[in-house]
Amino acid sequence: MNNIFLSASASSRQTRGRNNQRISANTVRRRLSTSGLRARRPYIGPILTQRLRHQRMLWAHEHAAWDRIQWRSVVFSDESRFCIEHADGRVHVWRRSGERYQANCVMEHDRWG
């Protein structure tokens, strides 16, 4: 699979089986699954360079000794979306477990354009 962001349905439309036969999306899913690939939501964020990783590690070490009172002023947010009626258009990436932050599995996001 060349495009890991391509859905199983789109991949089945582009891929031909033996004797130039069309294959189903379920066949694509099964083949990817047996290869250890699963459709997961991609990490959306900046590609972490060596410098950014180092800066994040420094920040973590600086704040590792904080107590509960200091952490009370920090707000953590988590939003979940639910769509029961139809597909919501989210993008998925076909990847193995543990590959979430690899550069080819990251959907790069630049906040400032």
Protein backbone atom coordinates (compact mmCIF):
# COMPACT_ATOMS: atom_id res chain seq x y z
CA MET A 1 0.00 0.00 0.00
CA ASN A 2 1.63 3.23 -1.16
CA ASN A 3 -0.77 5.69 0.46
CA ILE A 4 -1.33 4.75 4.11
CA PHE A 5 -4.05 7.42 4.43
CA LEU A 6 -6.17 5.80 1.69
CA SER A 7 -9.35 4.10 2.93
CA ALA A 8 -9.94 0.39 2.29
CA SER A 9 -12.82 1.25 -0.06
CA ALA A 10 -10.72 3.64 -2.13
CA SER A 11 -7.84 1.17 -2.18
CA SER A 12 -10.13 -1.61 -3.42
CA ARG A 13 -11.27 0.60 -6.31
CA GLN A 14 -7.65 1.22 -7.34
CA THR A 15 -6.37 -2.35 -6.86
CA ARG A 16 -6.98 -5.28 -9.18
CA GLY A 17 -6.73 -8.94 -8.22
CA ARG A 18 -5.92 -11.96 -10.34
CA ASN A 19 -7.17 -11.84 -13.92
CA ASN A 20 -7.78 -8.11 -13.49
CA GLN A 21 -10.76 -8.77 -11.17
CA ARG A 22 -11.96 -6.11 -8.76
CA ILE A 23 -11.44 -6.88 -5.09
CA SER A 24 -13.69 -5.91 -2.20
CA ALA A 25 -12.90 -3.45 0.58
CA ASN A 26 -13.22 -6.33 3.06
CA THR A 27 -10.47 -8.21 1.21
CA VAL A 28 -8.23 -5.15 1.50
CA ARG A 29 -8.99 -4.88 5.24
CA ARG A 30 -8.27 -8.60 5.78
CA ARG A 31 -4.97 -8.45 3.89
CA LEU A 32 -3.84 -5.36 5.77
CA SER A 33 -4.89 -6.94 9.07
CA THR A 34 -2.89 -10.10 8.41
CA SER A 35 0.13 -7.85 7.76
CA GLY A 36 -0.32 -6.31 11.21
CA LEU A 37 -1.79 -3.02 9.98
CA ARG A 38 -4.85 -1.43 11.59
CA ALA A 39 -6.84 1.67 10.64
CA ARG A 40 -6.19 4.25 13.35
CA ARG A 41 -6.67 7.96 13.70
CA PRO A 42 -3.39 9.67 12.81
CA TYR A 43 -1.53 11.87 15.24
CA ILE A 44 -2.15 15.40 14.05
CA GLY A 45 0.57 17.79 15.02
CA PRO A 46 4.02 19.01 14.18
CA ILE A 47 6.66 16.60 13.04
CA LEU A 48 8.93 16.40 16.08
CA THR A 49 12.48 17.25 15.15
CA GLN A 50 15.41 16.27 17.36
CA ARG A 51 15.49 19.84 18.75
CA LEU A 52 11.77 19.82 19.60
CA ARG A 53 12.08 16.43 21.30
CA HIS A 54 14.96 17.74 23.38
CA GLN A 55 12.98 20.86 24.39
CA ARG A 56 9.96 18.75 25.38
CA MET A 57 12.16 16.46 27.45
CA LEU A 58 13.66 19.47 29.25
CA TRP A 59 10.16 20.80 29.99
CA ALA A 60 9.09 17.43 31.38
CA HIS A 61 12.15 17.24 33.64
CA GLU A 62 11.56 20.81 34.89
CA HIS A 63 7.95 19.99 35.84
CA ALA A 64 8.44 16.44 37.11
CA ALA A 65 8.68 17.55 40.75
CA TRP A 66 5.52 19.69 40.74
CA ASP A 67 3.04 18.91 43.51
CA ARG A 68 -0.76 18.77 43.32
CA ILE A 69 -1.20 22.43 44.22
CA GLN A 70 0.97 23.54 41.30
CA TRP A 71 -0.82 21.19 38.85
CA ARG A 72 -4.24 22.53 39.92
CA SER A 73 -3.65 25.67 37.86
CA VAL A 74 -3.17 23.58 34.68
CA VAL A 75 -6.19 22.74 32.52
CA PHE A 76 -6.24 19.51 30.52
CA SER A 77 -8.98 19.19 27.92
CA ASP A 78 -10.22 16.22 25.96
CA GLU A 79 -13.03 16.42 23.45
CA SER A 80 -14.72 13.41 21.90
CA ARG A 81 -16.90 13.48 18.79
CA PHE A 82 -19.72 11.06 18.20
CA CYS A 83 -21.55 10.61 14.92
CA ILE A 84 -24.16 7.85 14.91
CA GLU A 85 -26.00 8.58 11.66
CA HIS A 86 -23.25 8.63 9.02
CA ALA A 87 -19.50 8.70 8.40
CA ASP A 88 -18.00 11.89 9.75
CA GLY A 89 -15.17 12.22 7.24
CA ARG A 90 -12.33 11.54 9.66
CA VAL A 91 -9.07 10.45 8.14
CA HIS A 92 -7.47 7.18 9.24
CA VAL A 93 -3.97 5.87 8.73
CA TRP A 94 -3.03 2.21 8.27
CA ARG A 95 -0.22 1.54 10.75
CA ARG A 96 1.17 -1.03 13.14
CA SER A 97 1.01 -0.74 16.90
CA GLY A 98 3.71 1.59 18.19
CA GLU A 99 4.05 3.58 14.94
CA ARG A 100 1.83 6.50 15.96
CA TYR A 101 4.55 9.16 16.03
CA GLN A 102 6.58 7.98 13.03
CA ALA A 103 6.91 10.74 10.48
CA ASN A 104 5.04 8.87 7.71
CA CYS A 105 2.04 8.28 10.04
CA VAL A 106 1.73 11.89 11.23
CA MET A 107 -0.72 14.23 9.56
CA GLU A 108 1.30 17.43 9.78
CA HIS A 109 -0.48 20.45 11.18
CA ASP A 110 0.93 23.96 11.08
CA ARG A 111 -1.03 26.31 13.29
CA TRP A 112 0.30 29.43 11.68
CA GLY A 113 -0.07 28.45 8.05
